[in-house]
Amino acid sequence: MGLCLAYFEEFRRHFEQSPGYVLVKAAKDGPVYRVPSERVARYPYIGINPGFYAWMHVDVDLQRLPEPAPGETPALALRRVAFDPAVYDDLNLPHPVFAVLSGRSYHLFWPLKCPLPPDPTKESVLYFRDVHRRLVRAVGGDRACGIQNIVAKNPFFPGNTAVRYASGPCTLADLRLEASPLDAPIWHAVEYIDGMRNCASFRAALAYYQKQDGVSEDELVRHLEDFQGGATDGPLSNPENEDIAKSIVQNGWRYKTRDERNYGAMGLPSLKGSGLPPEKMLAEIRSHKAEGGRYSAGLRAKKCAAAIAGALDALASAGRKLTGQAVAEAAGVDVRTVRRLLTIHNGCVAWKKTNLNHRLE
C-alpha cells in the first residue's frame, strides 16, 4: 500500500510544481491535472521534474517475473527483487528514498540536495543526463525514460506498493558511477509486448532515425504507427508517439544502435512462408535471435582477440612496458576485456581462454 503523507511533507519542495500544488494523473495515458497537494494520495501517478530538476528517477521494467524462493509466493518474489537494498550497496550508491511497485515495474526516486533550476546551463543538463544514463544502466532501468516532466508511480497512492528507505537527499556526484567511455549504451530491438511498448517503440524509431538522413518528427510518428499497427498489444497514444519522436530528433545523436543479427551468414532457414502457427513461429523467431546473438558475440570475441594480439606485437616491437592499460589503449578495447582474456605478470603474457601464449623477454 501507499506511504503515509508525512513522507510527502518531508519532500514537499521536491514534488510541488508551485507552492501548494502537484501534477498528477489518474491513468498513465490520461491528462495531467494540477491539484492541491493535500489530494496527492488520490492519484496513481505523480509528475516530477516539471521544469526544475529535483529528482533522479529510474523506471525498471521486469521482462519476466522473478523465480520464487522455496515457500515464497510470486508476489513476495516480486517485492523482494523490487525492494532489495543490496543492489545499491553493491554499487556503493545512496539508497533511493522511495521505491514504488505496481504491475511488473517499479520506480526509484533519489531527491537532489541542490535541484537544477528551470533554466539550467547546458553543461549542468549534460552532467545530469550522464549521471542518469550511468545509473539506469547499473540498475537495469528503462533507457527510454526521460529526465524531465516525468510521470512516475505515486508512492502515496494506496493502490501502489512502496517503501521508504532510510536515506535523504544526495548530490549528482553521489550518484555518478564510474564507467568507461566504451560503456556507452548500445540499443537493440526488444519485443513489443505489454510493459515494454514504450521501450520497444523508442528503439525501433531510433534505429529508423539513424539509418535515414533528415528524418522529421512527423515521419518518425508515422513510422511508429506502422511499427505498432500489426502488434497484438495495442498501439501507444498519439501524444506518447509524438514525445518519443521529439526525444529522438533532439537526442538521437547520443546513442548507438546494434546492427541486425546476420542470420544469412549462419545459413538459418527463412521463416517467411513457413506456415507455422503463431506460437511456434514466435518460438522459432526467438531461437533464431538467440543463435544470431551467439554468432555475433563469437565474431566480436574473435575481432577483439585479434586486436589485442596486434597490440601485444606492436607494444613489444616498440619496447614498451606491458600493462593491462597499455594493451587496452593500443587495442582500442576496455581494460576489463584485457584482464578477462590475458594474464600479464613479470613480462609474460598468457591467454586465459585460448591456446595462444606470448612470452616477452
Protein backbone atom coordinates (compact mmCIF):
# COMPACT_ATOMS: atom_id res chain seq x y z
CA MET A 1 0.00 0.00 0.00
CA GLY A 2 0.99 3.65 -0.31
CA LEU A 3 3.16 5.52 2.16
CA CYS A 4 1.85 7.93 4.77
CA LEU A 5 1.68 11.60 3.81
CA ALA A 6 4.28 12.52 6.41
CA TYR A 7 6.87 11.49 3.82
CA PHE A 8 5.27 13.82 1.30
CA GLU A 9 5.71 16.68 3.75
CA GLU A 10 9.36 15.72 4.12
CA PHE A 11 9.91 16.12 0.36
CA ARG A 12 7.17 18.62 -0.41
CA ARG A 13 9.54 21.10 -2.07
CA HIS A 14 10.79 18.36 -4.40
CA PHE A 15 7.30 17.33 -5.50
CA GLU A 16 5.42 20.59 -5.78
CA GLN A 17 5.28 22.30 -9.13
CA SER A 18 4.37 25.52 -7.34
CA PRO A 19 3.66 26.13 -3.62
CA GLY A 20 0.66 24.04 -2.59
CA TYR A 21 0.18 22.21 -5.93
CA VAL A 22 1.36 18.99 -7.58
CA LEU A 23 0.93 17.45 -11.02
CA VAL A 24 -0.89 14.10 -11.11
CA LYS A 25 -2.52 11.61 -13.48
CA ALA A 26 -5.45 9.30 -12.94
CA ALA A 27 -4.19 6.98 -15.70
CA LYS A 28 -0.87 6.57 -17.46
CA ASP A 29 -2.31 7.65 -20.81
CA GLY A 30 -4.65 10.24 -19.29
CA PRO A 31 -4.32 14.00 -19.00
CA VAL A 32 -2.19 15.77 -16.40
CA TYR A 33 -4.04 17.56 -13.59
CA ARG A 34 -2.75 20.32 -11.33
CA VAL A 35 -4.28 19.68 -7.91
CA PRO A 36 -3.79 20.89 -4.33
CA SER A 37 -1.07 18.94 -2.58
CA GLU A 38 -3.47 17.56 0.05
CA ARG A 39 -5.08 15.46 -2.72
CA VAL A 40 -1.84 13.81 -3.83
CA ALA A 41 -2.77 10.34 -2.49
CA ARG A 42 -5.86 10.11 -4.73
CA TYR A 43 -3.90 9.55 -7.94
CA PRO A 44 -1.71 6.59 -9.03
CA TYR A 45 0.75 8.80 -10.95
CA ILE A 46 2.61 11.93 -9.93
CA GLY A 47 4.50 14.39 -12.11
CA ILE A 48 8.12 15.12 -11.18
CA ASN A 49 10.77 17.46 -12.59
CA PRO A 50 8.14 19.75 -14.17
CA GLY A 51 10.63 22.45 -15.15
CA PHE A 52 13.26 22.25 -12.44
CA TYR A 53 15.25 19.04 -11.89
CA ALA A 54 14.58 17.92 -8.31
CA TRP A 55 14.66 14.12 -8.69
CA MET A 56 16.86 11.46 -10.20
CA HIS A 57 14.31 8.89 -11.31
CA VAL A 58 14.70 5.38 -12.78
CA ASP A 59 11.96 3.15 -14.19
CA VAL A 60 12.77 -0.58 -14.01
CA ASP A 61 10.57 -2.85 -16.18
CA LEU A 62 10.87 -6.56 -15.48
CA GLN A 63 10.60 -8.55 -18.72
CA ARG A 64 9.88 -11.71 -16.74
CA LEU A 65 8.74 -12.34 -13.20
CA PRO A 66 11.42 -13.45 -10.70
CA GLU A 67 11.53 -17.09 -9.68
CA PRO A 68 10.01 -17.51 -6.19
CA ALA A 69 12.24 -18.95 -3.49
CA PRO A 70 11.02 -22.03 -1.57
CA GLY A 71 7.88 -21.07 0.36
CA GLU A 72 7.65 -17.71 -1.41
CA THR A 73 4.68 -16.52 -3.45
CA PRO A 74 5.18 -14.80 -6.85
CA ALA A 75 4.02 -11.52 -5.30
CA LEU A 76 6.59 -11.76 -2.49
CA ALA A 77 9.31 -12.65 -5.01
CA LEU A 78 8.45 -9.53 -6.98
CA ARG A 79 8.64 -7.38 -3.85
CA ARG A 80 11.94 -8.98 -2.84
CA VAL A 81 13.52 -8.02 -6.17
CA ALA A 82 11.98 -4.55 -6.36
CA PHE A 83 12.87 -3.53 -2.81
CA ASP A 84 16.27 -5.22 -2.34
CA PRO A 85 18.69 -2.56 -0.98
CA ALA A 86 21.71 -4.79 -1.62
CA VAL A 87 21.70 -3.59 -5.25
CA TYR A 88 22.70 -0.09 -4.15
CA ASP A 89 25.12 -1.32 -1.50
CA ASP A 90 26.95 -3.40 -4.12
CA LEU A 91 27.25 -0.34 -6.37
CA ASN A 92 28.23 1.93 -3.47
CA LEU A 93 25.23 4.13 -4.22
CA PRO A 94 22.95 6.01 -1.83
CA HIS A 95 19.66 4.22 -1.33
CA PRO A 96 16.72 5.86 -3.10
CA VAL A 97 14.27 7.44 -0.70
CA PHE A 98 11.32 5.70 -2.40
CA ALA A 99 10.79 2.54 -4.42
CA VAL A 100 7.27 2.14 -5.83
CA LEU A 101 5.95 -1.11 -7.28
CA SER A 102 2.87 -1.81 -9.34
CA GLY A 103 2.38 -4.40 -12.04
CA ARG A 104 5.74 -5.69 -13.30
CA SER A 105 7.70 -2.48 -12.95
CA TYR A 106 8.99 -0.32 -10.14
CA HIS A 107 10.16 3.28 -9.94
CA LEU A 108 13.09 4.60 -7.92
CA PHE A 109 13.38 8.16 -6.56
CA TRP A 110 16.53 9.99 -5.43
CA PRO A 111 15.91 13.61 -4.26
CA LEU A 112 18.67 16.09 -5.04
CA LYS A 113 20.18 18.35 -2.39
CA CYS A 114 20.58 21.09 -4.97
CA PRO A 115 17.93 20.77 -7.72
CA LEU A 116 18.77 22.30 -11.08
CA PRO A 117 16.75 25.47 -11.83
CA PRO A 118 14.15 25.69 -14.61
CA ASP A 119 16.76 27.31 -16.89
CA PRO A 120 19.92 25.29 -16.16
CA THR A 121 23.13 25.68 -18.11
CA LYS A 122 23.81 23.29 -20.97
CA GLU A 123 26.75 21.83 -19.07
CA SER A 124 24.67 21.03 -15.98
CA VAL A 125 21.97 19.31 -18.06
CA LEU A 126 24.60 17.23 -19.86
CA TYR A 127 26.05 16.23 -16.49
CA PHE A 128 22.58 15.34 -15.19
CA ARG A 129 21.97 13.18 -18.30
CA ASP A 130 25.32 11.46 -17.89
CA VAL A 131 24.59 10.59 -14.25
CA HIS A 132 21.13 9.34 -15.23
CA ARG A 133 22.47 7.20 -18.09
CA ARG A 134 25.07 5.52 -15.91
CA LEU A 135 22.57 4.93 -13.10
CA VAL A 136 19.96 3.47 -15.47
CA ARG A 137 22.50 1.05 -16.91
CA ALA A 138 23.73 0.00 -13.46
CA VAL A 139 20.31 -0.88 -12.01
CA GLY A 140 18.75 -2.21 -15.24
CA GLY A 141 16.35 0.66 -15.83
CA ASP A 142 14.43 1.69 -18.91
CA ARG A 143 16.81 3.69 -21.09
CA ALA A 144 13.91 5.25 -22.98
CA CYS A 145 12.67 7.02 -19.86
CA GLY A 146 13.27 10.78 -19.85
CA ILE A 147 14.61 13.10 -17.17
CA GLN A 148 12.12 15.98 -17.17
CA ASN A 149 8.30 16.20 -16.99
CA ILE A 150 8.18 12.57 -15.90
CA VAL A 151 5.02 10.75 -14.89
CA ALA A 152 6.09 8.43 -12.08
CA LYS A 153 4.32 5.87 -9.91
CA ASN A 154 2.98 7.75 -6.91
CA PRO A 155 4.46 6.42 -3.63
CA PHE A 156 1.46 7.77 -1.67
CA PHE A 157 -1.31 6.16 -3.72
CA PRO A 158 -2.96 3.30 -1.74
CA GLY A 159 -3.03 1.03 -4.81
CA ASN A 160 0.76 1.14 -5.22
CA THR A 161 3.20 -0.76 -3.02
CA ALA A 162 6.00 1.49 -1.82
CA VAL A 163 8.87 1.55 0.65
CA ARG A 164 10.76 4.43 2.25
CA TYR A 165 14.48 3.77 2.64
CA ALA A 166 16.45 5.33 5.47
CA SER A 167 18.16 7.85 3.23
CA GLY A 168 17.87 11.50 2.29
CA PRO A 169 18.74 13.99 -0.43
CA CYS A 170 22.01 13.43 -2.27
CA THR A 171 24.14 15.16 -4.88
CA LEU A 172 24.60 14.24 -8.53
CA ALA A 173 28.21 13.38 -7.69
CA ASP A 174 26.97 10.85 -5.11
CA LEU A 175 25.01 9.09 -7.87
CA ARG A 176 27.61 9.23 -10.62
CA LEU A 177 29.08 5.80 -11.22
CA GLU A 178 32.48 5.43 -12.81
CA ALA A 179 32.31 3.87 -16.25
CA SER A 180 34.49 3.59 -19.32
CA PRO A 181 33.55 5.57 -22.43
CA LEU A 182 33.26 2.17 -24.10
CA ASP A 183 30.28 1.55 -21.83
CA ALA A 184 28.12 3.94 -23.89
CA PRO A 185 24.67 2.40 -24.32
CA ILE A 186 24.12 0.17 -27.36
CA TRP A 187 20.45 -0.06 -28.27
CA HIS A 188 18.96 -3.18 -29.78
CA ALA A 189 15.43 -4.17 -30.65
CA VAL A 190 13.14 -5.57 -27.95
CA GLU A 191 9.80 -7.29 -28.30
CA TYR A 192 6.72 -5.05 -28.42
CA ILE A 193 4.71 -6.50 -25.54
CA ASP A 194 2.75 -5.01 -22.67
CA GLY A 195 5.15 -3.40 -20.23
CA MET A 196 7.80 -2.86 -22.93
CA ARG A 197 5.81 -0.94 -25.55
CA ASN A 198 7.48 2.43 -24.94
CA CYS A 199 10.96 0.95 -24.82
CA ALA A 200 10.41 -1.17 -27.96
CA SER A 201 8.95 1.81 -29.81
CA PHE A 202 11.83 4.09 -28.82
CA ARG A 203 14.42 1.62 -30.04
CA ALA A 204 12.59 0.90 -33.30
CA ALA A 205 12.27 4.63 -34.02
CA LEU A 206 15.91 5.26 -33.06
CA ALA A 207 17.10 2.55 -35.47
CA TYR A 208 14.99 4.11 -38.25
CA TYR A 209 16.26 7.62 -37.41
CA GLN A 210 19.91 6.57 -37.59
CA LYS A 211 19.51 4.81 -40.95
CA GLN A 212 17.91 7.83 -42.64
CA ASP A 213 19.10 11.38 -43.22
CA GLY A 214 17.00 14.34 -42.14
CA VAL A 215 14.14 12.40 -40.53
CA SER A 216 11.44 14.72 -39.17
CA GLU A 217 9.32 14.22 -36.07
CA ASP A 218 6.20 13.68 -38.23
CA GLU A 219 7.97 10.99 -40.23
CA LEU A 220 9.05 9.24 -37.05
CA VAL A 221 5.48 9.32 -35.73
CA ARG A 222 4.25 7.68 -38.94
CA HIS A 223 6.98 5.05 -38.65
CA LEU A 224 5.94 4.32 -35.07
CA GLU A 225 2.30 3.96 -36.11
CA ASP A 226 3.33 1.42 -38.78
CA PHE A 227 5.59 -0.39 -36.31
CA GLN A 228 2.84 -0.69 -33.68
CA GLY A 229 0.00 -1.33 -36.10
CA GLY A 230 0.50 -5.06 -36.54
CA ALA A 231 1.22 -5.87 -32.90
CA THR A 232 -1.08 -7.92 -30.68
CA ASP A 233 -0.69 -5.41 -27.87
CA GLY A 234 -2.37 -2.13 -28.75
CA PRO A 235 -0.55 0.93 -30.12
CA LEU A 236 0.59 3.81 -27.97
CA SER A 237 -1.39 7.03 -27.94
CA ASN A 238 -0.50 9.74 -30.42
CA PRO A 239 0.92 12.07 -27.70
CA GLU A 240 3.21 9.26 -26.50
CA ASN A 241 4.48 8.64 -30.03
CA GLU A 242 5.00 12.38 -30.52
CA ASP A 243 7.04 12.54 -27.30
CA ILE A 244 9.22 9.61 -28.46
CA ALA A 245 9.76 11.21 -31.88
CA LYS A 246 10.64 14.56 -30.34
CA SER A 247 13.12 12.96 -27.93
CA ILE A 248 14.87 11.07 -30.74
CA VAL A 249 15.14 14.07 -33.07
CA GLN A 250 16.63 16.13 -30.22
CA ASN A 251 18.88 13.48 -28.68
CA GLY A 252 19.24 10.60 -31.17
CA TRP A 253 22.87 11.52 -31.87
CA ARG A 254 23.77 10.48 -28.31
CA TYR A 255 23.08 6.80 -28.84
CA LYS A 256 24.37 3.84 -30.80
CA THR A 257 22.22 1.05 -32.20
CA ARG A 258 23.18 -2.56 -32.66
CA ASP A 259 23.20 -3.94 -36.19
CA GLU A 260 20.65 -6.59 -37.08
CA ARG A 261 21.80 -10.15 -36.47
CA ASN A 262 23.46 -11.71 -39.52
CA TYR A 263 21.36 -14.86 -39.83
CA GLY A 264 22.25 -15.30 -43.51
CA ALA A 265 25.89 -15.95 -42.67
CA MET A 266 24.75 -18.81 -40.42
CA GLY A 267 22.62 -20.48 -43.08
CA LEU A 268 19.50 -20.50 -40.93
CA PRO A 269 16.33 -21.35 -42.86
CA SER A 270 13.95 -18.48 -43.58
CA LEU A 271 10.71 -18.46 -41.61
CA LYS A 272 8.82 -16.50 -44.26
CA GLY A 273 6.10 -18.58 -45.81
CA SER A 274 6.72 -21.47 -43.40
CA GLY A 275 3.05 -21.62 -42.40
CA LEU A 276 3.91 -22.19 -38.74
CA PRO A 277 1.19 -21.35 -36.20
CA PRO A 278 1.80 -18.12 -34.27
CA GLU A 279 3.08 -19.85 -31.11
CA LYS A 280 5.65 -21.95 -33.00
CA MET A 281 6.61 -19.03 -35.22
CA LEU A 282 7.35 -16.89 -32.15
CA ALA A 283 9.40 -19.72 -30.62
CA GLU A 284 11.41 -20.11 -33.84
CA ILE A 285 11.98 -16.38 -34.10
CA ARG A 286 13.32 -16.30 -30.54
CA SER A 287 15.53 -19.31 -31.29
CA HIS A 288 16.94 -17.57 -34.37
CA LYS A 289 17.59 -14.43 -32.35
CA ALA A 290 19.43 -16.41 -29.70
CA GLU A 291 21.56 -18.20 -32.30
CA GLY A 292 22.23 -14.91 -34.04
CA GLY A 293 23.27 -13.35 -30.77
CA ARG A 294 25.72 -16.16 -30.03
CA TYR A 295 27.11 -15.97 -33.57
CA SER A 296 27.57 -12.19 -33.37
CA ALA A 297 29.15 -12.48 -29.92
CA GLY A 298 31.62 -15.04 -31.29
CA LEU A 299 32.59 -12.72 -34.14
CA ARG A 300 33.09 -9.82 -31.72
CA ALA A 301 35.21 -12.01 -29.44
CA LYS A 302 37.45 -13.06 -32.36
CA LYS A 303 37.80 -9.46 -33.53
CA CYS A 304 38.63 -8.33 -30.00
CA ALA A 305 41.23 -11.10 -29.53
CA ALA A 306 42.85 -10.21 -32.87
CA ALA A 307 43.04 -6.54 -31.84
CA ILE A 308 44.69 -7.46 -28.53
CA ALA A 309 47.17 -9.80 -30.27
CA GLY A 310 48.10 -7.00 -32.66
CA ALA A 311 48.51 -4.59 -29.75
CA LEU A 312 50.84 -7.02 -27.97
CA ASP A 313 53.04 -7.31 -31.06
CA ALA A 314 53.09 -3.53 -31.54
CA LEU A 315 53.99 -2.83 -27.91
CA ALA A 316 56.71 -5.48 -27.95
CA SER A 317 58.21 -4.06 -31.15
CA ALA A 318 58.25 -0.60 -29.61
CA GLY A 319 59.88 -1.90 -26.44
CA ARG A 320 57.11 -0.53 -24.28
CA LYS A 321 56.24 -1.93 -20.87
CA LEU A 322 53.25 -4.24 -20.95
CA THR A 323 50.37 -3.34 -18.67
CA GLY A 324 46.67 -4.02 -18.99
CA GLN A 325 46.01 -0.33 -19.58
CA ALA A 326 48.68 -0.04 -22.28
CA VAL A 327 47.32 -3.08 -24.13
CA ALA A 328 43.75 -1.78 -23.84
CA GLU A 329 44.68 1.63 -25.25
CA ALA A 330 46.68 0.12 -28.13
CA ALA A 331 43.89 -2.35 -28.99
CA GLY A 332 41.04 0.13 -28.56
CA VAL A 333 39.22 -2.07 -26.04
CA ASP A 334 38.21 -1.78 -22.40
CA VAL A 335 40.90 -2.66 -19.88
CA ARG A 336 38.46 -5.09 -18.26
CA THR A 337 38.37 -7.05 -21.52
CA VAL A 338 42.15 -7.30 -21.47
CA ARG A 339 42.10 -8.57 -17.89
CA ARG A 340 39.43 -11.09 -18.78
CA LEU A 341 41.46 -12.53 -21.65
CA LEU A 342 45.08 -12.10 -20.55
CA THR A 343 47.35 -12.74 -17.60
CA ILE A 344 50.27 -10.30 -17.53
CA HIS A 345 52.98 -10.98 -14.96
CA ASN A 346 56.72 -10.17 -14.94
CA GLY A 347 56.95 -9.68 -18.69
CA CYS A 348 54.95 -12.80 -19.54
CA VAL A 349 51.60 -12.65 -21.30
CA ALA A 350 49.29 -15.67 -21.32
CA TRP A 351 45.90 -16.01 -22.95
CA LYS A 352 43.36 -17.29 -20.44
CA LYS A 353 40.79 -18.59 -22.93
CA THR A 354 42.85 -19.59 -25.97
CA ASN A 355 45.85 -21.81 -26.61
CA LEU A 356 47.88 -18.74 -27.66
CA ASN A 357 50.72 -17.64 -25.46
CA HIS A 358 53.01 -14.67 -25.98
CA ARG A 359 56.23 -14.63 -23.97
CA LEU A 360 58.03 -11.31 -23.92
CA GLU A 361 61.58 -11.11 -22.76
